[in-house]
Amino acid sequence: MKKLLSMLLALSMLLTFASIPAMAQASEPIKISLYYSDNATLPFQEDWLTVQTIEEMYNIDFEFEVIPIADYATKVSTALNVGGNTLPDVILYQSTKGENASLALNGVLAPLSDYSDWTPNFNARVEEFGLQDSIDALKLSDGKLYYLPSLTDIPFYDGGLILRQDYLETKGLDAPKTFDDLYEILKAYKADYPDSYPLTILAGPRVLYRMTMPSYGISLGKNGASGTNTLSWNYETKEYFEGATSDEYRAYISFFAKLYAEGLLDPEMADPIDGDRWTQKMANGSAMATYAYYDQIGGAEAASEIEGINLNMYPCLEGTAGAHHQPKSSTGSGILIPTKTAERDDFEQVVRAIDNAFFSEEAAKVWCLGVDGVTYTEEAGVVSYSDELVNSPDGVYKTLQVKYGCGSDVTQMVWYNAREMTKYDANYSEINAAVAAMDGVIQAIPPTPMFDDLTAEDAGMLQTPLSDSWEVWNDAFLTGKKSIETDWDEYVAEMQSKGIEEFCAIYNDNLAK
């Protein structure tokens, strides 16, 4: 049976190679250097099956520079501003929101729409998903597209509030519907386990913020939906507002500051909490609730010695602005190519290789599922996973990620909802159905203004100091170093002195009419 599977896999690979354009069949692989944003919960491995398979399929030699996600934006910004030999050929997990728009219009990034004949696979996926209007909305003021975004057919609810369902059942508590409900649950757990910090998070505060702020009508910080860090989008009036100094933000940070002050929120959240420590916290009962991803439940349960522990994920909680999850769109962070790369004699081959490696039908399946005959088999359109994956205590999705490199936001550029759902259990499908039934839970990503290069530069110069100030004040408000009651006016005055009103006006004045 093993020999038969090996023969079938080899035949499959040969047929795949036969379908690859002649340029990809060169005797020497084309070398492409890339920046890769590395997440501690999904540490990059050069020998991932996905990476090796894609390199072999398209005769590419990827040279990854792996950068911690916390440092990634700064590293990319510095490299693009300095230019020269500091730049890789390709930058993954980026968009042209914020500073990158200014850099693009100033000639630092290659206008990829000028080379659309070289990206047939990307074009085909856009047409397949009906996303041309969404792609057009990503073009800058010169009418050009400067990055190839990731593409999703239907946004899905992949992470959110996870907590101990067994504790709720033992205490006779209902599943939370609002943040006030969550507060009462956390308070009860703290009373039962005084040494605990009932609510923890995965990675850094950005995960908590992006999953909870929308229920308060805002989206701020390094993972804010607008890419501005301090502005938010009003979905009713269709305009930006100063989210960082708004009443909505004040209500939000007041709630979480209350949790922090009462010992209900993990004080270690200010530092990145890696996957192992997160698992330990949930497994040993030092926390009972978290904001994380569904696929990580299995690992925490398997690591626990608590009899009957049962973690489950719940639909979005209702805040002052309703129940909302992090905004998503069918176009996400994707691929930038610096103008320096266009100086290569084989630039066309580089672009075509990137298009093949990330947007072709064959590559999309590899980045999602792995390799047929190794991680899965498919018969009559039905995907069945290997025994190793099915029996893994970490679950199919997480094992595919960590061991094989499947399902990484950095490299998977094409997302089919139905294909993703095959990695999860029936419970997850039910949760997604419940979220889908809640009208407007997953809102769209706010539109990008049509800046010219000078305006984009002005916006970029305002964005950084505003963002830096917000980060400092937000941490101070959360931890009680500053009082929301007595220091709020000082904070607002500082943000105004740094130009938040001007920054907001620039964004609104340049929205497409």
Protein backbone atom coordinates (compact mmCIF):
# COMPACT_ATOMS: atom_id res chain seq x y z
CA MET A 1 0.00 0.00 0.00
CA LYS A 2 2.86 2.38 0.89
CA LYS A 3 4.57 1.66 -2.45
CA LEU A 4 1.30 2.23 -4.28
CA LEU A 5 0.74 5.56 -2.52
CA SER A 6 4.31 6.60 -3.31
CA MET A 7 3.85 5.73 -6.99
CA LEU A 8 0.56 7.63 -7.14
CA LEU A 9 2.13 10.65 -5.45
CA ALA A 10 5.06 10.60 -7.85
CA LEU A 11 2.70 10.32 -10.83
CA SER A 12 0.61 13.19 -9.47
CA MET A 13 3.70 15.37 -9.13
CA LEU A 14 4.86 14.51 -12.66
CA LEU A 15 1.46 15.44 -14.09
CA THR A 16 1.56 18.69 -12.12
CA PHE A 17 5.02 19.52 -13.43
CA ALA A 18 3.84 18.81 -16.97
CA SER A 19 1.16 21.49 -16.63
CA ILE A 20 3.58 24.17 -15.40
CA PRO A 21 4.59 26.83 -17.95
CA ALA A 22 7.91 26.32 -19.65
CA MET A 23 9.52 29.20 -17.76
CA ALA A 24 9.16 27.23 -14.51
CA GLN A 25 10.97 24.22 -15.98
CA ALA A 26 14.36 25.94 -16.18
CA SER A 27 17.29 23.78 -15.14
CA GLU A 28 18.15 26.12 -12.27
CA PRO A 29 15.44 27.21 -9.81
CA ILE A 30 14.61 30.89 -9.74
CA LYS A 31 15.81 32.46 -6.48
CA ILE A 32 13.35 34.72 -4.67
CA SER A 33 14.00 36.31 -1.27
CA LEU A 34 11.01 37.05 0.96
CA TYR A 35 10.16 38.70 4.26
CA TYR A 36 8.03 36.38 6.40
CA SER A 37 6.03 37.52 9.46
CA ASP A 38 6.54 34.86 12.13
CA ASN A 39 3.96 34.10 14.82
CA ALA A 40 5.15 32.32 17.97
CA THR A 41 2.04 30.13 17.90
CA LEU A 42 2.90 29.00 14.36
CA PRO A 43 6.71 29.10 14.14
CA PHE A 44 8.06 29.02 10.59
CA GLN A 45 9.96 25.94 9.44
CA GLU A 46 12.01 25.93 6.26
CA ASP A 47 11.31 22.22 5.78
CA TRP A 48 7.51 22.50 5.92
CA LEU A 49 5.88 20.16 3.41
CA THR A 50 4.03 23.10 1.89
CA VAL A 51 7.18 25.13 1.26
CA GLN A 52 9.16 22.23 -0.18
CA THR A 53 6.28 21.09 -2.37
CA ILE A 54 5.66 24.56 -3.83
CA GLU A 55 9.37 25.04 -4.48
CA GLU A 56 9.53 21.71 -6.31
CA MET A 57 6.30 22.25 -8.24
CA TYR A 58 7.37 25.61 -9.63
CA ASN A 59 11.16 25.29 -9.61
CA ILE A 60 11.65 28.08 -7.08
CA ASP A 61 14.28 28.54 -4.39
CA PHE A 62 12.64 30.65 -1.70
CA GLU A 63 14.99 32.43 0.69
CA PHE A 64 12.90 33.43 3.70
CA GLU A 65 13.94 36.09 6.17
CA VAL A 66 11.85 35.24 9.21
CA ILE A 67 10.89 38.25 11.35
CA PRO A 68 8.86 38.14 14.62
CA ILE A 69 5.37 39.51 14.04
CA ALA A 70 5.81 42.12 16.78
CA ASP A 71 8.74 43.63 14.85
CA TYR A 72 7.44 43.00 11.35
CA ALA A 73 5.75 46.34 10.57
CA THR A 74 8.79 48.27 11.79
CA LYS A 75 11.18 46.08 9.81
CA VAL A 76 9.16 46.47 6.62
CA SER A 77 8.82 50.23 7.08
CA THR A 78 12.53 50.68 7.70
CA ALA A 79 13.55 48.53 4.74
CA LEU A 80 11.17 50.28 2.33
CA ASN A 81 12.30 53.73 3.49
CA VAL A 82 16.00 52.90 3.35
CA GLY A 83 15.78 50.85 0.16
CA GLY A 84 18.82 49.41 -1.59
CA ASN A 85 20.18 46.02 -0.65
CA THR A 86 18.13 45.93 2.57
CA LEU A 87 15.06 44.99 0.55
CA PRO A 88 14.00 41.43 -0.32
CA ASP A 89 12.47 40.57 -3.69
CA VAL A 90 9.04 40.04 -2.14
CA ILE A 91 7.33 41.12 1.09
CA LEU A 92 4.54 38.91 2.43
CA TYR A 93 1.64 39.78 4.76
CA GLN A 94 1.32 43.46 3.85
CA SER A 95 -1.12 45.85 2.18
CA THR A 96 -1.05 49.43 0.90
CA LYS A 97 -2.93 50.93 3.82
CA GLY A 98 -1.25 53.68 5.82
CA GLU A 99 2.41 54.44 5.16
CA ASN A 100 2.73 51.87 2.38
CA ALA A 101 0.34 53.92 0.23
CA SER A 102 2.70 56.90 0.39
CA LEU A 103 5.70 54.70 -0.34
CA ALA A 104 3.93 53.13 -3.32
CA LEU A 105 3.01 56.48 -4.84
CA ASN A 106 6.59 57.64 -4.33
CA GLY A 107 7.88 54.79 -6.46
CA VAL A 108 9.09 52.38 -3.79
CA LEU A 109 6.66 49.59 -4.73
CA ALA A 110 6.05 48.01 -8.12
CA PRO A 111 2.58 48.77 -9.59
CA LEU A 112 1.48 45.17 -10.03
CA SER A 113 -1.59 46.09 -12.06
CA ASP A 114 0.85 47.17 -14.81
CA TYR A 115 1.87 43.52 -15.06
CA SER A 116 -1.56 41.89 -14.92
CA ASP A 117 -0.71 39.76 -17.98
CA TRP A 118 1.86 38.06 -15.76
CA THR A 119 -0.63 37.18 -12.99
CA PRO A 120 -3.21 34.97 -14.75
CA ASN A 121 -3.87 32.84 -11.65
CA PHE A 122 -4.56 35.86 -9.44
CA ASN A 123 -6.85 37.24 -12.14
CA ALA A 124 -8.70 33.93 -12.38
CA ARG A 125 -9.29 33.71 -8.60
CA VAL A 126 -10.59 37.30 -8.54
CA GLU A 127 -13.06 36.45 -11.28
CA GLU A 128 -14.01 33.15 -9.63
CA PHE A 129 -14.84 34.88 -6.33
CA GLY A 130 -16.48 37.88 -7.99
CA LEU A 131 -14.07 40.28 -6.32
CA GLN A 132 -13.23 42.74 -9.09
CA ASP A 133 -15.01 45.63 -7.33
CA SER A 134 -13.13 44.82 -4.12
CA ILE A 135 -9.84 44.77 -6.00
CA ASP A 136 -10.62 48.08 -7.70
CA ALA A 137 -11.27 49.58 -4.26
CA LEU A 138 -7.68 48.72 -3.28
CA LYS A 139 -6.18 50.78 -6.09
CA LEU A 140 -4.50 54.01 -5.09
CA SER A 141 -5.16 57.51 -6.41
CA ASP A 142 -3.19 56.83 -9.60
CA GLY A 143 -5.59 53.98 -10.40
CA LYS A 144 -2.97 51.27 -9.85
CA LEU A 145 -2.84 48.20 -7.61
CA TYR A 146 0.40 47.85 -5.67
CA TYR A 147 -0.12 44.53 -3.90
CA LEU A 148 -1.72 41.17 -4.52
CA PRO A 149 -4.13 40.62 -1.60
CA SER A 150 -5.16 37.29 -0.18
CA LEU A 151 -8.58 36.26 -1.52
CA THR A 152 -11.49 34.68 0.38
CA ASP A 153 -14.77 33.50 -1.09
CA ILE A 154 -16.78 33.80 2.18
CA PRO A 155 -15.41 35.30 5.44
CA PHE A 156 -15.68 32.89 8.39
CA TYR A 157 -15.61 33.05 12.18
CA ASP A 158 -12.29 31.42 12.99
CA GLY A 159 -11.65 32.67 16.50
CA GLY A 160 -13.30 34.43 19.40
CA LEU A 161 -14.30 33.88 23.02
CA ILE A 162 -13.31 30.43 24.28
CA LEU A 163 -14.16 29.40 27.82
CA ARG A 164 -14.74 26.46 30.17
CA GLN A 165 -18.17 25.15 29.32
CA ASP A 166 -17.78 22.53 32.03
CA TYR A 167 -17.46 25.34 34.61
CA LEU A 168 -20.63 27.02 33.36
CA GLU A 169 -22.53 23.73 33.62
CA THR A 170 -21.20 23.00 37.10
CA LYS A 171 -22.21 26.46 38.35
CA GLY A 172 -25.51 26.50 36.48
CA LEU A 173 -24.48 29.58 34.50
CA ASP A 174 -25.84 30.44 31.07
CA ALA A 175 -23.55 30.97 28.10
CA PRO A 176 -22.56 34.66 27.91
CA LYS A 177 -24.35 36.91 25.44
CA THR A 178 -22.92 40.27 26.55
CA PHE A 179 -19.69 41.57 28.05
CA ASP A 180 -21.54 42.13 31.30
CA ASP A 181 -22.39 38.41 31.28
CA LEU A 182 -18.72 37.62 30.78
CA TYR A 183 -17.79 39.88 33.71
CA GLU A 184 -20.12 37.97 36.05
CA ILE A 185 -18.68 34.62 34.91
CA LEU A 186 -15.09 35.78 35.41
CA LYS A 187 -15.96 37.17 38.84
CA ALA A 188 -17.51 33.85 39.88
CA TYR A 189 -14.42 31.94 38.77
CA LYS A 190 -12.12 34.36 40.62
CA ALA A 191 -14.15 33.82 43.79
CA ASP A 192 -13.76 30.06 43.43
CA TYR A 193 -10.08 30.23 42.44
CA PRO A 194 -8.56 33.39 44.01
CA ASP A 195 -5.09 32.77 42.56
CA SER A 196 -6.41 32.66 39.01
CA TYR A 197 -6.59 35.36 36.35
CA PRO A 198 -9.73 34.08 34.64
CA LEU A 199 -9.35 35.84 31.26
CA THR A 200 -6.13 35.38 29.33
CA ILE A 201 -5.24 35.92 25.68
CA LEU A 202 -3.14 34.36 22.98
CA ALA A 203 -0.07 36.22 21.69
CA GLY A 204 -0.39 39.93 22.54
CA PRO A 205 -3.15 42.46 23.29
CA ARG A 206 -3.77 42.91 19.55
CA VAL A 207 -5.69 39.60 19.47
CA LEU A 208 -8.00 40.69 22.27
CA TYR A 209 -8.49 44.16 20.79
CA ARG A 210 -9.26 43.13 17.24
CA MET A 211 -11.80 40.54 18.40
CA THR A 212 -13.60 42.68 21.00
CA MET A 213 -13.34 46.36 20.01
CA PRO A 214 -15.88 46.13 17.15
CA SER A 215 -18.63 45.36 19.68
CA TYR A 216 -17.92 48.81 21.10
CA GLY A 217 -17.95 50.46 17.65
CA ILE A 218 -14.20 50.89 17.27
CA SER A 219 -11.17 49.14 15.82
CA LEU A 220 -7.81 50.50 16.97
CA GLY A 221 -4.17 49.52 17.37
CA LYS A 222 -1.69 47.61 15.28
CA ASN A 223 -4.37 45.24 13.99
CA GLY A 224 -7.08 47.88 13.64
CA ALA A 225 -9.28 47.38 10.61
CA SER A 226 -8.48 50.72 8.98
CA GLY A 227 -4.70 50.39 9.18
CA THR A 228 -4.54 53.84 10.80
CA ASN A 229 -4.15 52.62 14.41
CA THR A 230 -6.17 55.56 15.84
CA LEU A 231 -9.15 56.11 13.51
CA SER A 232 -12.29 53.97 13.25
CA TRP A 233 -15.04 53.63 10.65
CA ASN A 234 -18.66 54.57 11.23
CA TYR A 235 -20.65 51.97 9.27
CA GLU A 236 -23.82 54.08 9.32
CA THR A 237 -22.44 57.46 8.23
CA LYS A 238 -19.75 55.90 6.02
CA GLU A 239 -16.96 58.07 7.34
CA TYR A 240 -13.95 57.92 9.65
CA PHE A 241 -13.97 59.30 13.18
CA GLU A 242 -11.32 59.82 15.87
CA GLY A 243 -11.81 56.40 17.44
CA ALA A 244 -8.87 56.75 19.82
CA THR A 245 -10.44 59.75 21.59
CA SER A 246 -14.09 58.74 21.24
CA ASP A 247 -16.70 57.92 23.86
CA GLU A 248 -16.79 54.43 22.34
CA TYR A 249 -13.13 53.88 23.17
CA ARG A 250 -13.58 55.33 26.64
CA ALA A 251 -16.37 52.83 27.35
CA TYR A 252 -14.25 50.00 25.97
CA ILE A 253 -11.08 50.69 27.91
CA SER A 254 -13.11 51.36 31.06
CA PHE A 255 -14.56 47.85 30.90
CA PHE A 256 -11.22 46.11 30.45
CA ALA A 257 -9.51 48.35 33.02
CA LYS A 258 -12.18 47.15 35.48
CA LEU A 259 -11.30 43.55 34.67
CA TYR A 260 -7.60 44.30 35.16
CA ALA A 261 -8.15 46.12 38.47
CA GLU A 262 -10.21 43.24 39.88
CA GLY A 263 -7.67 40.60 38.91
CA LEU A 264 -9.92 39.14 36.21
CA LEU A 265 -7.58 39.90 33.29
CA ASP A 266 -4.18 38.25 32.89
CA PRO A 267 -1.51 40.87 33.81
CA GLU A 268 0.95 39.12 31.50
CA MET A 269 -1.13 40.12 28.48
CA ALA A 270 1.11 43.14 27.81
CA ASP A 271 3.85 40.71 26.74
CA PRO A 272 3.40 38.15 23.99
CA ILE A 273 2.00 34.93 25.48
CA ASP A 274 3.31 32.12 23.32
CA GLY A 275 1.30 29.06 22.46
CA ASP A 276 2.89 26.82 25.10
CA ARG A 277 2.28 29.24 27.96
CA TRP A 278 -1.25 29.94 26.73
CA THR A 279 -1.95 26.22 26.63
CA GLN A 280 -0.58 25.78 30.13
CA LYS A 281 -2.72 28.60 31.54
CA MET A 282 -5.90 27.13 30.07
CA ALA A 283 -4.95 23.55 30.87
CA ASN A 284 -4.10 24.03 34.55
CA GLY A 285 -7.06 26.27 35.37
CA SER A 286 -5.12 29.46 36.06
CA ALA A 287 -7.42 30.88 33.35
CA MET A 288 -10.87 29.75 32.26
CA ALA A 289 -11.60 32.11 29.37
CA THR A 290 -9.57 33.46 26.48
CA TYR A 291 -9.68 35.05 23.07
CA ALA A 292 -8.01 32.70 20.63
CA TYR A 293 -8.77 30.36 17.72
CA TYR A 294 -11.02 27.32 17.65
CA ASP A 295 -8.32 24.97 16.39
CA GLN A 296 -6.30 25.50 19.59
CA ILE A 297 -8.96 24.07 21.89
CA GLY A 298 -7.88 20.46 21.40
CA GLY A 299 -4.31 21.08 22.48
CA ALA A 300 -5.33 22.80 25.71
CA GLU A 301 -7.80 20.07 26.61
CA ALA A 302 -5.27 17.33 25.85
CA ALA A 303 -2.66 19.00 28.07
CA SER A 304 -5.04 19.31 31.02
CA GLU A 305 -5.32 17.02 34.01
CA ILE A 306 -8.62 18.62 35.05
CA GLU A 307 -11.27 15.93 34.93
CA GLY A 308 -14.08 16.75 32.53
CA ILE A 309 -12.54 19.96 31.19
CA ASN A 310 -14.55 21.13 28.19
CA LEU A 311 -13.53 24.24 26.27
CA ASN A 312 -15.88 25.69 23.70
CA MET A 313 -16.00 28.77 21.46
CA TYR A 314 -18.96 31.14 21.61
CA PRO A 315 -20.46 33.67 19.20
CA CYS A 316 -19.49 37.35 19.55
CA LEU A 317 -20.56 39.12 22.71
CA GLU A 318 -22.72 42.22 22.60
CA GLY A 319 -21.12 45.48 23.67
CA THR A 320 -22.33 49.08 23.49
CA ALA A 321 -22.50 48.89 19.69
CA GLY A 322 -23.98 45.40 19.34
CA ALA A 323 -22.31 42.05 18.71
CA HIS A 324 -19.46 42.21 16.20
CA HIS A 325 -16.34 40.28 15.35
CA GLN A 326 -13.17 41.71 13.85
CA PRO A 327 -13.93 43.28 10.46
CA LYS A 328 -12.95 41.13 7.53
CA SER A 329 -13.18 41.36 3.82
CA SER A 330 -12.59 39.00 0.98
CA THR A 331 -9.29 40.73 0.37
CA GLY A 332 -6.63 40.68 3.07
CA SER A 333 -2.93 41.20 3.61
CA GLY A 334 -0.90 39.89 0.73
CA ILE A 335 2.16 40.38 -1.43
CA LEU A 336 4.22 43.53 -2.08
CA ILE A 337 7.04 43.63 -4.61
CA PRO A 338 9.56 46.47 -4.18
CA THR A 339 10.47 48.46 -7.28
CA LYS A 340 14.05 47.27 -6.80
CA THR A 341 12.93 43.78 -7.79
CA ALA A 342 11.77 45.15 -11.15
CA GLU A 343 15.43 45.81 -11.94
CA ARG A 344 16.08 42.08 -12.16
CA ASP A 345 16.57 40.80 -15.70
CA ASP A 346 14.15 37.99 -14.89
CA PHE A 347 11.48 40.22 -13.31
CA GLU A 348 8.72 38.74 -15.45
CA GLN A 349 9.72 35.26 -14.32
CA VAL A 350 9.68 36.41 -10.68
CA VAL A 351 6.15 37.78 -10.98
CA ARG A 352 4.90 34.70 -12.81
CA ALA A 353 6.55 32.44 -10.25
CA ILE A 354 4.86 34.30 -7.36
CA ASP A 355 1.52 34.11 -9.18
CA ASN A 356 1.91 30.36 -9.68
CA ALA A 357 3.21 29.66 -6.18
CA PHE A 358 0.45 31.47 -4.32
CA PHE A 359 -2.63 31.86 -6.54
CA SER A 360 -2.79 28.84 -8.86
CA GLU A 361 -5.47 26.21 -8.15
CA GLU A 362 -2.79 23.62 -7.41
CA ALA A 363 -0.86 25.88 -5.03
CA ALA A 364 -4.03 27.00 -3.25
CA LYS A 365 -4.80 23.40 -2.39
CA VAL A 366 -1.26 22.74 -1.13
CA TRP A 367 -1.21 25.79 1.16
CA CYS A 368 -4.59 24.74 2.55
CA LEU A 369 -4.57 20.93 2.69
CA GLY A 370 -0.99 19.81 2.13
CA VAL A 371 -0.25 17.02 -0.36
CA ASP A 372 -2.75 14.46 -1.62
CA GLY A 373 -1.68 11.04 -0.41
CA VAL A 374 0.33 12.44 2.49
CA THR A 375 -1.88 14.70 4.61
CA TYR A 376 -5.20 13.91 2.90
CA THR A 377 -6.95 12.03 0.14
CA GLU A 378 -9.82 13.26 -1.99
CA GLU A 379 -12.48 11.13 -3.65
CA ALA A 380 -15.47 12.53 -5.50
CA GLY A 381 -14.78 15.93 -3.98
CA VAL A 382 -14.77 14.60 -0.40
CA VAL A 383 -11.59 15.32 1.60
CA SER A 384 -10.42 12.73 4.13
CA TYR A 385 -7.46 13.45 6.38
CA SER A 386 -4.66 11.08 7.34
CA ASP A 387 -4.95 9.06 10.53
CA GLU A 388 -2.12 11.13 12.01
CA LEU A 389 -4.19 14.31 11.63
CA VAL A 390 -7.52 12.81 12.65
CA ASN A 391 -6.00 11.34 15.83
CA SER A 392 -3.83 14.33 16.72
CA PRO A 393 -4.64 15.82 20.16
CA ASP A 394 -4.09 19.28 18.63
CA GLY A 395 -6.76 18.70 16.00
CA VAL A 396 -6.55 18.63 12.21
CA TYR A 397 -6.26 22.37 11.65
CA LYS A 398 -3.52 23.10 14.18
CA THR A 399 -1.46 20.03 13.27
CA LEU A 400 -1.65 20.96 9.60
CA GLN A 401 -0.45 24.43 10.53
CA VAL A 402 2.40 23.63 12.88
CA LYS A 403 3.77 20.45 11.31
CA TYR A 404 3.08 21.05 7.63
CA GLY A 405 2.69 24.83 7.19
CA CYS A 406 -0.90 24.72 5.94
CA GLY A 407 -3.37 27.49 6.77
CA SER A 408 -0.85 30.23 7.54
CA ASP A 409 -2.19 33.75 6.99
CA VAL A 410 1.24 34.70 5.67
CA THR A 411 1.46 32.20 2.83
CA GLN A 412 -2.09 31.00 2.11
CA MET A 413 -3.41 33.53 -0.38
CA VAL A 414 -6.59 31.70 -1.46
CA TRP A 415 -9.26 30.71 1.07
CA TYR A 416 -12.32 28.60 0.21
CA ASN A 417 -14.78 28.47 3.11
CA ALA A 418 -16.04 24.97 2.28
CA ARG A 419 -12.48 23.65 2.09
CA GLU A 420 -11.55 25.23 5.42
CA MET A 421 -14.59 23.72 7.12
CA THR A 422 -13.33 20.21 6.34
CA LYS A 423 -10.62 20.74 8.96
CA TYR A 424 -13.07 21.26 11.79
CA ASP A 425 -15.73 19.29 13.64
CA ALA A 426 -19.53 19.58 13.46
CA ASN A 427 -19.52 21.83 16.54
CA TYR A 428 -17.45 24.44 14.75
CA SER A 429 -19.80 24.38 11.78
CA GLU A 430 -22.71 24.96 14.16
CA ILE A 431 -20.91 27.92 15.76
CA ASN A 432 -20.30 29.43 12.32
CA ALA A 433 -23.96 28.93 11.46
CA ALA A 434 -24.99 30.70 14.68
CA VAL A 435 -22.71 33.65 13.90
CA ALA A 436 -24.00 33.81 10.33
CA ALA A 437 -27.54 34.06 11.70
CA MET A 438 -26.55 37.14 13.73
CA ASP A 439 -27.02 39.94 11.23
CA GLY A 440 -23.95 42.05 10.48
CA VAL A 441 -21.57 40.37 12.93
CA ILE A 442 -18.61 40.35 10.55
CA GLN A 443 -18.35 43.86 9.14
CA ALA A 444 -16.39 44.88 6.07
CA ILE A 445 -12.90 46.35 6.14
CA PRO A 446 -13.15 50.16 5.89
CA PRO A 447 -12.34 51.71 2.49
CA THR A 448 -8.88 53.03 1.68
CA PRO A 449 -8.74 56.75 0.79
CA MET A 450 -7.51 57.70 -2.67
CA PHE A 451 -4.41 59.61 -1.56
CA ASP A 452 -2.00 61.25 -3.95
CA ASP A 453 1.65 60.85 -2.97
CA LEU A 454 1.93 64.14 -1.05
CA THR A 455 -1.28 63.56 0.89
CA ALA A 456 -0.27 60.00 1.68
CA GLU A 457 3.03 61.31 2.99
CA ASP A 458 1.24 63.87 5.18
CA ALA A 459 -1.03 61.15 6.57
CA GLY A 460 1.94 58.89 7.24
CA MET A 461 3.77 61.62 9.17
CA LEU A 462 0.76 62.07 11.44
CA GLN A 463 0.02 58.38 11.87
CA THR A 464 3.21 57.25 13.63
CA PRO A 465 3.32 59.74 16.53
CA LEU A 466 -0.42 59.35 17.08
CA SER A 467 -0.10 55.59 17.17
CA ASP A 468 2.86 55.73 19.55
CA SER A 469 0.96 58.00 21.96
CA TRP A 470 -2.14 55.83 21.86
CA GLU A 471 -0.13 52.70 22.66
CA VAL A 472 1.41 54.35 25.73
CA TRP A 473 -1.85 55.82 27.03
CA ASN A 474 -3.88 52.68 26.30
CA ASP A 475 -1.50 50.56 28.37
CA ALA A 476 -1.60 53.16 31.15
CA PHE A 477 -5.40 53.27 31.19
CA LEU A 478 -5.67 49.49 31.12
CA THR A 479 -3.26 48.87 33.97
CA GLY A 480 -4.35 51.81 36.15
CA LYS A 481 -1.14 53.81 35.78
CA LYS A 482 -3.41 56.56 34.48
CA SER A 483 -6.99 57.24 35.55
CA ILE A 484 -9.68 57.19 32.89
CA GLU A 485 -11.69 59.53 35.10
CA THR A 486 -9.08 62.17 35.93
CA ASP A 487 -6.48 61.87 33.13
CA TRP A 488 -8.79 61.49 30.12
CA ASP A 489 -8.81 65.21 29.21
CA GLU A 490 -5.00 65.33 29.29
CA TYR A 491 -4.88 62.32 26.98
CA VAL A 492 -7.36 63.83 24.50
CA ALA A 493 -5.42 67.10 24.51
CA GLU A 494 -2.20 65.27 23.69
CA MET A 495 -3.81 63.38 20.81
CA GLN A 496 -5.28 66.63 19.48
CA SER A 497 -1.90 68.34 19.73
CA LYS A 498 -0.45 65.53 17.61
CA GLY A 499 -3.08 66.14 14.92
CA ILE A 500 -5.71 63.43 15.28
CA GLU A 501 -8.46 65.75 13.98
CA GLU A 502 -6.34 66.73 10.97
CA PHE A 503 -5.48 63.06 10.42
CA CYS A 504 -9.17 62.13 10.39
CA ALA A 505 -10.02 64.99 8.03
CA ILE A 506 -7.35 63.83 5.57
CA TYR A 507 -8.90 60.37 5.48
CA ASN A 508 -12.47 61.61 5.02
CA ASP A 509 -11.54 64.23 2.44
CA ASN A 510 -9.93 61.61 0.23
CA LEU A 511 -12.60 58.92 0.25
CA ALA A 512 -13.79 57.89 -3.18
CA LYS A 513 -16.98 59.79 -3.99
